[in-house]
Amino acid sequence: MSEIARRSNYRPALATIKQRIQTYRSRAALAVNAEFLNQPTVEAIESELAQGNGGLPSND
């Protein structure tokens, strides 16, 4: 066993780091999902194209 693994604070510190990584991963996934939900749908883009707006949403 290595010297680092023998130290009494190694396991709690590693558990803390793993928990922080999991928390940051979850936050990142939620942020990505929220951004996807804010994107226009294909139908909305096609509708805007059909109205001659170049696929850009109108400010109505």
N, C-alpha and C. Protein backbone atom coordinates (compact mmCIF):
# COMPACT_ATOMS: atom_id res chain seq x y z
N MET A 1 0.85 -1.17 0.00
CA MET A 1 0.00 0.00 0.00
C MET A 1 0.90 1.24 0.00
N SER A 2 0.54 2.21 -0.80
CA SER A 2 1.37 3.41 -0.89
C SER A 2 1.23 4.28 0.35
N GLU A 3 2.16 5.18 0.51
CA GLU A 3 2.15 6.09 1.66
C GLU A 3 0.90 6.97 1.66
N ILE A 4 0.46 7.41 0.49
CA ILE A 4 -0.74 8.26 0.39
C ILE A 4 -1.97 7.51 0.89
N ALA A 5 -2.11 6.26 0.48
CA ALA A 5 -3.28 5.47 0.85
C ALA A 5 -3.31 5.17 2.35
N ARG A 6 -2.16 5.20 3.02
CA ARG A 6 -2.11 4.91 4.46
C ARG A 6 -2.56 6.10 5.30
N ARG A 7 -2.52 7.28 4.76
CA ARG A 7 -2.90 8.46 5.55
C ARG A 7 -4.39 8.40 5.88
N SER A 8 -4.72 8.83 7.08
CA SER A 8 -6.09 8.70 7.57
C SER A 8 -7.07 9.61 6.84
N ASN A 9 -6.60 10.70 6.25
CA ASN A 9 -7.51 11.64 5.59
C ASN A 9 -7.64 11.39 4.09
N TYR A 10 -6.99 10.36 3.59
CA TYR A 10 -7.01 10.08 2.14
C TYR A 10 -8.41 9.69 1.66
N ARG A 11 -9.01 8.72 2.30
CA ARG A 11 -10.33 8.23 1.85
C ARG A 11 -11.41 9.30 1.95
N PRO A 12 -11.52 10.03 3.06
CA PRO A 12 -12.53 11.10 3.11
C PRO A 12 -12.28 12.19 2.06
N ALA A 13 -11.02 12.52 1.84
CA ALA A 13 -10.70 13.53 0.83
C ALA A 13 -11.09 13.04 -0.56
N LEU A 14 -10.80 11.79 -0.86
CA LEU A 14 -11.15 11.22 -2.15
C LEU A 14 -12.66 11.17 -2.33
N ALA A 15 -13.38 10.81 -1.27
CA ALA A 15 -14.84 10.77 -1.34
C ALA A 15 -15.40 12.17 -1.60
N THR A 16 -14.82 13.18 -0.98
CA THR A 16 -15.24 14.56 -1.20
C THR A 16 -15.01 14.98 -2.64
N ILE A 17 -13.86 14.65 -3.17
CA ILE A 17 -13.55 14.99 -4.57
C ILE A 17 -14.52 14.30 -5.52
N LYS A 18 -14.78 13.03 -5.28
CA LYS A 18 -15.71 12.29 -6.14
C LYS A 18 -17.11 12.90 -6.09
N GLN A 19 -17.55 13.30 -4.89
CA GLN A 19 -18.87 13.91 -4.75
C GLN A 19 -18.93 15.23 -5.49
N ARG A 20 -17.88 16.04 -5.41
CA ARG A 20 -17.85 17.32 -6.12
C ARG A 20 -17.91 17.11 -7.62
N ILE A 21 -17.17 16.13 -8.12
CA ILE A 21 -17.19 15.83 -9.55
C ILE A 21 -18.59 15.43 -9.98
N GLN A 22 -19.24 14.58 -9.20
CA GLN A 22 -20.60 14.15 -9.53
C GLN A 22 -21.57 15.34 -9.53
N THR A 23 -21.41 16.22 -8.55
CA THR A 23 -22.26 17.40 -8.48
C THR A 23 -22.07 18.28 -9.71
N TYR A 24 -20.82 18.52 -10.10
CA TYR A 24 -20.54 19.36 -11.27
C TYR A 24 -21.04 18.71 -12.55
N ARG A 25 -20.93 17.38 -12.65
CA ARG A 25 -21.46 16.68 -13.83
C ARG A 25 -22.98 16.84 -13.92
N SER A 26 -23.64 16.70 -12.78
CA SER A 26 -25.10 16.84 -12.76
C SER A 26 -25.51 18.25 -13.15
N ARG A 27 -24.81 19.24 -12.61
CA ARG A 27 -25.13 20.63 -12.95
C ARG A 27 -24.91 20.90 -14.43
N ALA A 28 -23.83 20.36 -14.98
CA ALA A 28 -23.55 20.55 -16.40
C ALA A 28 -24.64 19.90 -17.26
N ALA A 29 -25.06 18.69 -16.89
CA ALA A 29 -26.11 18.01 -17.64
C ALA A 29 -27.42 18.79 -17.59
N LEU A 30 -27.75 19.32 -16.42
CA LEU A 30 -28.97 20.12 -16.30
C LEU A 30 -28.89 21.39 -17.14
N ALA A 31 -27.73 22.02 -17.16
CA ALA A 31 -27.56 23.24 -17.96
C ALA A 31 -27.70 22.94 -19.45
N VAL A 32 -27.13 21.83 -19.90
CA VAL A 32 -27.24 21.44 -21.31
C VAL A 32 -28.70 21.15 -21.65
N ASN A 33 -29.39 20.41 -20.79
CA ASN A 33 -30.79 20.09 -21.05
C ASN A 33 -31.64 21.36 -21.09
N ALA A 34 -31.39 22.28 -20.20
CA ALA A 34 -32.14 23.54 -20.19
C ALA A 34 -31.91 24.31 -21.48
N GLU A 35 -30.69 24.29 -21.97
CA GLU A 35 -30.38 24.99 -23.22
C GLU A 35 -31.10 24.32 -24.39
N PHE A 36 -31.14 23.00 -24.40
CA PHE A 36 -31.86 22.30 -25.47
C PHE A 36 -33.35 22.65 -25.44
N LEU A 37 -33.91 22.79 -24.27
CA LEU A 37 -35.32 23.12 -24.16
C LEU A 37 -35.62 24.52 -24.67
N ASN A 38 -34.64 25.39 -24.68
CA ASN A 38 -34.82 26.76 -25.15
C ASN A 38 -34.62 26.90 -26.66
N GLN A 39 -34.25 25.81 -27.33
CA GLN A 39 -34.02 25.85 -28.76
C GLN A 39 -35.34 25.71 -29.51
N PRO A 40 -35.45 26.40 -30.65
CA PRO A 40 -36.68 26.25 -31.44
C PRO A 40 -36.77 24.84 -32.03
N THR A 41 -37.98 24.39 -32.23
CA THR A 41 -38.19 23.07 -32.82
C THR A 41 -38.02 23.16 -34.33
N VAL A 42 -37.88 22.02 -34.96
CA VAL A 42 -37.76 21.97 -36.41
C VAL A 42 -39.02 22.56 -37.05
N GLU A 43 -40.17 22.26 -36.47
CA GLU A 43 -41.42 22.79 -37.00
C GLU A 43 -41.45 24.31 -36.93
N ALA A 44 -40.97 24.88 -35.85
CA ALA A 44 -40.94 26.34 -35.71
C ALA A 44 -40.02 26.97 -36.75
N ILE A 45 -38.87 26.36 -36.97
CA ILE A 45 -37.93 26.88 -37.96
C ILE A 45 -38.53 26.78 -39.36
N GLU A 46 -39.15 25.65 -39.67
CA GLU A 46 -39.78 25.49 -40.98
C GLU A 46 -40.89 26.51 -41.18
N SER A 47 -41.65 26.78 -40.13
CA SER A 47 -42.71 27.77 -40.21
C SER A 47 -42.15 29.16 -40.49
N GLU A 48 -41.07 29.51 -39.82
CA GLU A 48 -40.43 30.80 -40.03
C GLU A 48 -39.88 30.90 -41.46
N LEU A 49 -39.31 29.79 -41.95
CA LEU A 49 -38.80 29.78 -43.33
C LEU A 49 -39.95 29.98 -44.31
N ALA A 50 -41.09 29.33 -44.06
CA ALA A 50 -42.24 29.44 -44.94
C ALA A 50 -42.79 30.86 -44.95
N GLN A 51 -42.61 31.57 -43.84
CA GLN A 51 -43.10 32.96 -43.76
C GLN A 51 -42.09 33.95 -44.34
N GLY A 52 -40.95 33.43 -44.78
CA GLY A 52 -39.95 34.30 -45.41
C GLY A 52 -39.06 35.03 -44.43
N ASN A 53 -38.91 34.50 -43.22
CA ASN A 53 -38.07 35.15 -42.23
C ASN A 53 -36.65 34.58 -42.19
N GLY A 54 -36.31 33.74 -43.13
CA GLY A 54 -34.97 33.16 -43.16
C GLY A 54 -34.68 32.20 -42.03
N GLY A 55 -35.71 31.67 -41.41
CA GLY A 55 -35.52 30.72 -40.32
C GLY A 55 -35.30 31.36 -38.98
N LEU A 56 -35.33 32.69 -38.95
CA LEU A 56 -35.13 33.38 -37.69
C LEU A 56 -36.48 33.66 -37.04
N PRO A 57 -36.55 33.48 -35.72
CA PRO A 57 -37.82 33.76 -35.06
C PRO A 57 -38.18 35.23 -35.14
N SER A 58 -39.44 35.49 -35.31
CA SER A 58 -39.89 36.89 -35.37
C SER A 58 -40.00 37.43 -33.95
N ASN A 59 -39.98 38.74 -33.83
CA ASN A 59 -40.07 39.40 -32.53
C ASN A 59 -41.49 39.82 -32.21
N ASP A 60 -42.47 39.15 -32.78
CA ASP A 60 -43.88 39.51 -32.54
C ASP A 60 -44.32 39.15 -31.16
